[in-house]
Amino acid sequence: MPADGALPDSHLATGDVLEISGEQLQELLDAVLSRGCPLRFRARGFSMCPLVRDHDVVTISPLAGRAPCTGDIIACRHPQSRRPIVHRVRAVRADGLLVQGDSAPLPDGLIPPDDVLGLLALVERDGVTVYRARSDDPAAIRHLAWIVRRWRNRAA
């Protein structure tokens, strides 16, 4: 960076894409969400299909004192790899949250409360909103979880 503090010509402008590693994403999530701000980024992978597809843009919001419940989709650290993931809460237990991707065959494992980074607030695909979380309606969240379970089991 130049000594005068100006950004170099190669800085990102609105609409540009910054490719970062999972570790960098986790640091960014921690930093932004801890300040009470949402973070928007391009999701990678297929574990949350059909709701979140590879390259959809997702917005993660801070917990803001809200405890995740069954059916919520959370950003968290994977229990083994410690990489950030965005998966659905299948069960709330005393020792953590059992999470699983909607199209994943098995749960990821228990997520300690300190490893929950935030809640999925918005999913956009090709500039169109395909999902907006309604944290004020737990029944709607449970209903969506039921629909996803039926979708996942249809091929079984």
C-alpha atoms as a PDB file:
ATOM      1  CA  MET A   1       0.000   0.000   0.000  1.00  0.00           C
ATOM      2  CA  PRO A   2       1.351   3.471  -0.795  1.00  0.00           C
ATOM      3  CA  ALA A   3       2.674   5.529   2.115  1.00  0.00           C
ATOM      4  CA  ASP A   4      -0.129   8.075   1.730  1.00  0.00           C
ATOM      5  CA  GLY A   5      -2.718   5.367   2.587  1.00  0.00           C
ATOM      6  CA  ALA A   6      -4.383   5.428  -0.822  1.00  0.00           C
ATOM      7  CA  LEU A   7      -5.466   2.127  -2.251  1.00  0.00           C
ATOM      8  CA  PRO A   8      -3.472   0.803  -5.206  1.00  0.00           C
ATOM      9  CA  ASP A   9      -5.155   0.677  -8.605  1.00  0.00           C
ATOM     10  CA  SER A  10      -5.730  -3.070  -8.215  1.00  0.00           C
ATOM     11  CA  HIS A  11      -8.119  -2.726  -5.231  1.00  0.00           C
ATOM     12  CA  LEU A  12     -11.531  -4.331  -5.390  1.00  0.00           C
ATOM     13  CA  ALA A  13     -14.464  -2.254  -6.543  1.00  0.00           C
ATOM     14  CA  THR A  14     -18.118  -2.968  -5.882  1.00  0.00           C
ATOM     15  CA  GLY A  15     -19.094  -6.124  -7.724  1.00  0.00           C
ATOM     16  CA  ASP A  16     -15.599  -7.579  -7.969  1.00  0.00           C
ATOM     17  CA  VAL A  17     -14.891 -10.981  -6.463  1.00  0.00           C
ATOM     18  CA  LEU A  18     -12.189 -11.641  -3.905  1.00  0.00           C
ATOM     19  CA  GLU A  19     -11.135 -15.281  -3.674  1.00  0.00           C
ATOM     20  CA  ILE A  20     -10.063 -16.236  -0.148  1.00  0.00           C
ATOM     21  CA  SER A  21      -9.276 -19.487   1.650  1.00  0.00           C
ATOM     22  CA  GLY A  22     -11.522 -21.132   4.227  1.00  0.00           C
ATOM     23  CA  GLU A  23      -9.196 -19.980   6.986  1.00  0.00           C
ATOM     24  CA  GLN A  24      -9.342 -16.394   5.745  1.00  0.00           C
ATOM     25  CA  LEU A  25     -13.141 -16.623   5.456  1.00  0.00           C
ATOM     26  CA  GLN A  26     -13.369 -17.783   9.058  1.00  0.00           C
ATOM     27  CA  GLU A  27     -11.222 -14.866  10.235  1.00  0.00           C
ATOM     28  CA  LEU A  28     -13.358 -12.476   8.216  1.00  0.00           C
ATOM     29  CA  LEU A  29     -16.590 -14.001   9.604  1.00  0.00           C
ATOM     30  CA  ASP A  30     -15.262 -13.716  13.157  1.00  0.00           C
ATOM     31  CA  ALA A  31     -14.179 -10.101  12.669  1.00  0.00           C
ATOM     32  CA  VAL A  32     -17.299  -8.833  10.903  1.00  0.00           C
ATOM     33  CA  LEU A  33     -19.941 -10.739  12.893  1.00  0.00           C
ATOM     34  CA  SER A  34     -18.326  -9.853  16.231  1.00  0.00           C
ATOM     35  CA  ARG A  35     -18.957  -6.208  15.344  1.00  0.00           C
ATOM     36  CA  GLY A  36     -22.656  -6.927  14.829  1.00  0.00           C
ATOM     37  CA  CYS A  37     -22.555  -6.673  11.034  1.00  0.00           C
ATOM     38  CA  PRO A  38     -23.664  -9.268   8.464  1.00  0.00           C
ATOM     39  CA  LEU A  39     -21.213 -10.744   5.949  1.00  0.00           C
ATOM     40  CA  ARG A  40     -22.082 -11.579   2.347  1.00  0.00           C
ATOM     41  CA  PHE A  41     -20.016 -14.052   0.329  1.00  0.00           C
ATOM     42  CA  ARG A  42     -20.204 -16.633  -2.451  1.00  0.00           C
ATOM     43  CA  ALA A  43     -20.892 -20.140  -1.104  1.00  0.00           C
ATOM     44  CA  ARG A  44     -18.884 -23.065  -2.409  1.00  0.00           C
ATOM     45  CA  GLY A  45     -19.978 -26.697  -2.503  1.00  0.00           C
ATOM     46  CA  PHE A  46     -23.134 -28.748  -2.820  1.00  0.00           C
ATOM     47  CA  SER A  47     -23.863 -29.901   0.734  1.00  0.00           C
ATOM     48  CA  MET A  48     -26.838 -27.553   1.176  1.00  0.00           C
ATOM     49  CA  CYS A  49     -28.593 -28.273  -2.137  1.00  0.00           C
ATOM     50  CA  PRO A  50     -31.315 -27.562  -3.106  1.00  0.00           C
ATOM     51  CA  LEU A  51     -31.565 -24.442  -0.917  1.00  0.00           C
ATOM     52  CA  VAL A  52     -27.974 -23.207  -1.330  1.00  0.00           C
ATOM     53  CA  ARG A  53     -26.158 -24.147  -4.511  1.00  0.00           C
ATOM     54  CA  ASP A  54     -22.509 -23.800  -5.458  1.00  0.00           C
ATOM     55  CA  HIS A  55     -21.745 -20.116  -6.216  1.00  0.00           C
ATOM     56  CA  ASP A  56     -24.934 -18.735  -4.597  1.00  0.00           C
ATOM     57  CA  VAL A  57     -24.340 -15.570  -2.620  1.00  0.00           C
ATOM     58  CA  VAL A  58     -25.201 -15.997   1.051  1.00  0.00           C
ATOM     59  CA  THR A  59     -25.504 -13.466   3.850  1.00  0.00           C
ATOM     60  CA  ILE A  60     -24.594 -14.554   7.371  1.00  0.00           C
ATOM     61  CA  SER A  61     -25.947 -12.443  10.227  1.00  0.00           C
ATOM     62  CA  PRO A  62     -24.661 -12.250  13.794  1.00  0.00           C
ATOM     63  CA  LEU A  63     -26.472 -14.297  16.433  1.00  0.00           C
ATOM     64  CA  ALA A  64     -27.326 -11.101  18.330  1.00  0.00           C
ATOM     65  CA  GLY A  65     -28.089 -13.056  21.490  1.00  0.00           C
ATOM     66  CA  ARG A  66     -30.352 -15.566  19.719  1.00  0.00           C
ATOM     67  CA  ALA A  67     -29.648 -19.238  20.344  1.00  0.00           C
ATOM     68  CA  PRO A  68     -29.894 -21.372  17.181  1.00  0.00           C
ATOM     69  CA  CYS A  69     -32.758 -23.859  17.154  1.00  0.00           C
ATOM     70  CA  THR A  70     -33.601 -26.983  15.160  1.00  0.00           C
ATOM     71  CA  GLY A  71     -34.076 -26.087  11.503  1.00  0.00           C
ATOM     72  CA  ASP A  72     -31.891 -22.974  11.558  1.00  0.00           C
ATOM     73  CA  ILE A  73     -29.044 -22.780   9.089  1.00  0.00           C
ATOM     74  CA  ILE A  74     -25.853 -21.648  10.769  1.00  0.00           C
ATOM     75  CA  ALA A  75     -22.318 -20.753   9.851  1.00  0.00           C
ATOM     76  CA  CYS A  76     -19.962 -22.637  12.152  1.00  0.00           C
ATOM     77  CA  ARG A  77     -16.586 -24.296  12.403  1.00  0.00           C
ATOM     78  CA  HIS A  78     -16.562 -27.931  11.292  1.00  0.00           C
ATOM     79  CA  PRO A  79     -15.816 -30.124  14.348  1.00  0.00           C
ATOM     80  CA  GLN A  80     -12.887 -31.968  12.703  1.00  0.00           C
ATOM     81  CA  SER A  81     -11.442 -29.716   9.989  1.00  0.00           C
ATOM     82  CA  ARG A  82     -12.264 -26.419  11.780  1.00  0.00           C
ATOM     83  CA  ARG A  83     -13.135 -24.925   8.363  1.00  0.00           C
ATOM     84  CA  PRO A  84     -16.224 -22.713   8.161  1.00  0.00           C
ATOM     85  CA  ILE A  85     -19.371 -24.457   6.956  1.00  0.00           C
ATOM     86  CA  VAL A  86     -22.984 -23.381   6.482  1.00  0.00           C
ATOM     87  CA  HIS A  87     -25.261 -26.263   7.516  1.00  0.00           C
ATOM     88  CA  ARG A  88     -28.650 -26.881   9.119  1.00  0.00           C
ATOM     89  CA  VAL A  89     -29.157 -27.582  12.824  1.00  0.00           C
ATOM     90  CA  ARG A  90     -30.699 -31.049  13.101  1.00  0.00           C
ATOM     91  CA  ALA A  91     -30.834 -31.180  16.899  1.00  0.00           C
ATOM     92  CA  VAL A  92     -30.023 -29.011  19.882  1.00  0.00           C
ATOM     93  CA  ARG A  93     -28.323 -30.907  22.696  1.00  0.00           C
ATOM     94  CA  ALA A  94     -26.871 -29.897  26.039  1.00  0.00           C
ATOM     95  CA  ASP A  95     -23.321 -30.374  24.713  1.00  0.00           C
ATOM     96  CA  GLY A  96     -23.793 -28.664  21.345  1.00  0.00           C
ATOM     97  CA  LEU A  97     -25.645 -28.541  18.049  1.00  0.00           C
ATOM     98  CA  LEU A  98     -25.886 -31.494  15.682  1.00  0.00           C
ATOM     99  CA  VAL A  99     -25.514 -30.069  12.165  1.00  0.00           C
ATOM    100  CA  GLN A 100     -25.830 -31.585   8.704  1.00  0.00           C
ATOM    101  CA  GLY A 101     -25.908 -30.328   5.140  1.00  0.00           C
ATOM    102  CA  ASP A 102     -29.307 -30.762   3.489  1.00  0.00           C
ATOM    103  CA  SER A 103     -27.874 -33.089   0.840  1.00  0.00           C
ATOM    104  CA  ALA A 104     -25.159 -34.649   3.013  1.00  0.00           C
ATOM    105  CA  PRO A 105     -25.685 -38.318   3.915  1.00  0.00           C
ATOM    106  CA  LEU A 106     -24.420 -37.976   7.509  1.00  0.00           C
ATOM    107  CA  PRO A 107     -24.284 -35.267  10.182  1.00  0.00           C
ATOM    108  CA  ASP A 108     -21.053 -33.337  10.643  1.00  0.00           C
ATOM    109  CA  GLY A 109     -21.043 -33.918  14.386  1.00  0.00           C
ATOM    110  CA  LEU A 110     -21.639 -31.783  17.444  1.00  0.00           C
ATOM    111  CA  ILE A 111     -20.784 -28.105  17.228  1.00  0.00           C
ATOM    112  CA  PRO A 112     -19.911 -26.492  20.565  1.00  0.00           C
ATOM    113  CA  PRO A 113     -21.781 -23.191  21.123  1.00  0.00           C
ATOM    114  CA  ASP A 114     -18.504 -21.220  20.858  1.00  0.00           C
ATOM    115  CA  ASP A 115     -17.987 -22.550  17.300  1.00  0.00           C
ATOM    116  CA  VAL A 116     -21.254 -21.087  15.979  1.00  0.00           C
ATOM    117  CA  LEU A 117     -20.391 -18.016  13.916  1.00  0.00           C
ATOM    118  CA  GLY A 118     -23.795 -16.746  12.754  1.00  0.00           C
ATOM    119  CA  LEU A 119     -27.131 -17.465  11.086  1.00  0.00           C
ATOM    120  CA  LEU A 120     -27.955 -17.715   7.390  1.00  0.00           C
ATOM    121  CA  ALA A 121     -30.088 -14.669   6.611  1.00  0.00           C
ATOM    122  CA  LEU A 122     -30.274 -14.558   2.819  1.00  0.00           C
ATOM    123  CA  VAL A 123     -29.513 -16.649  -0.271  1.00  0.00           C
ATOM    124  CA  GLU A 124     -29.239 -15.028  -3.686  1.00  0.00           C
ATOM    125  CA  ARG A 125     -28.887 -16.834  -6.997  1.00  0.00           C
ATOM    126  CA  ASP A 126     -28.093 -14.872 -10.154  1.00  0.00           C
ATOM    127  CA  GLY A 127     -29.140 -11.654  -8.410  1.00  0.00           C
ATOM    128  CA  VAL A 128     -32.508 -13.017  -7.254  1.00  0.00           C
ATOM    129  CA  THR A 129     -33.366 -13.695  -3.602  1.00  0.00           C
ATOM    130  CA  VAL A 130     -34.257 -17.390  -3.259  1.00  0.00           C
ATOM    131  CA  TYR A 131     -34.356 -17.549   0.552  1.00  0.00           C
ATOM    132  CA  ARG A 132     -34.796 -15.017   3.344  1.00  0.00           C
ATOM    133  CA  ALA A 133     -34.684 -16.260   6.934  1.00  0.00           C
ATOM    134  CA  ARG A 134     -37.539 -15.324   9.185  1.00  0.00           C
ATOM    135  CA  SER A 135     -36.124 -15.494  12.681  1.00  0.00           C
ATOM    136  CA  ASP A 136     -39.447 -14.329  14.089  1.00  0.00           C
ATOM    137  CA  ASP A 137     -41.233 -17.502  12.933  1.00  0.00           C
ATOM    138  CA  PRO A 138     -39.733 -20.727  14.399  1.00  0.00           C
ATOM    139  CA  ALA A 139     -42.655 -22.751  13.000  1.00  0.00           C
ATOM    140  CA  ALA A 140     -41.689 -21.703   9.458  1.00  0.00           C
ATOM    141  CA  ILE A 141     -38.092 -22.752  10.112  1.00  0.00           C
ATOM    142  CA  ARG A 142     -39.207 -26.190  11.350  1.00  0.00           C
ATOM    143  CA  HIS A 143     -41.536 -26.554   8.338  1.00  0.00           C
ATOM    144  CA  LEU A 144     -38.684 -25.790   5.928  1.00  0.00           C
ATOM    145  CA  ALA A 145     -36.517 -28.360   7.727  1.00  0.00           C
ATOM    146  CA  TRP A 146     -39.324 -30.924   7.310  1.00  0.00           C
ATOM    147  CA  ILE A 147     -39.548 -30.175   3.556  1.00  0.00           C
ATOM    148  CA  VAL A 148     -35.781 -30.615   3.166  1.00  0.00           C
ATOM    149  CA  ARG A 149     -35.845 -33.944   5.049  1.00  0.00           C
ATOM    150  CA  ARG A 150     -38.576 -35.194   2.688  1.00  0.00           C
ATOM    151  CA  TRP A 151     -36.568 -33.997  -0.354  1.00  0.00           C
ATOM    152  CA  ARG A 152     -33.438 -35.758   0.906  1.00  0.00           C
ATOM    153  CA  ASN A 153     -35.302 -39.013   1.619  1.00  0.00           C
ATOM    154  CA  ARG A 154     -37.170 -39.136  -1.709  1.00  0.00           C
ATOM    155  CA  ALA A 155     -34.277 -40.936  -3.417  1.00  0.00           C
ATOM    156  CA  ALA A 156     -33.736 -43.359  -0.541  1.00  0.00           C
END
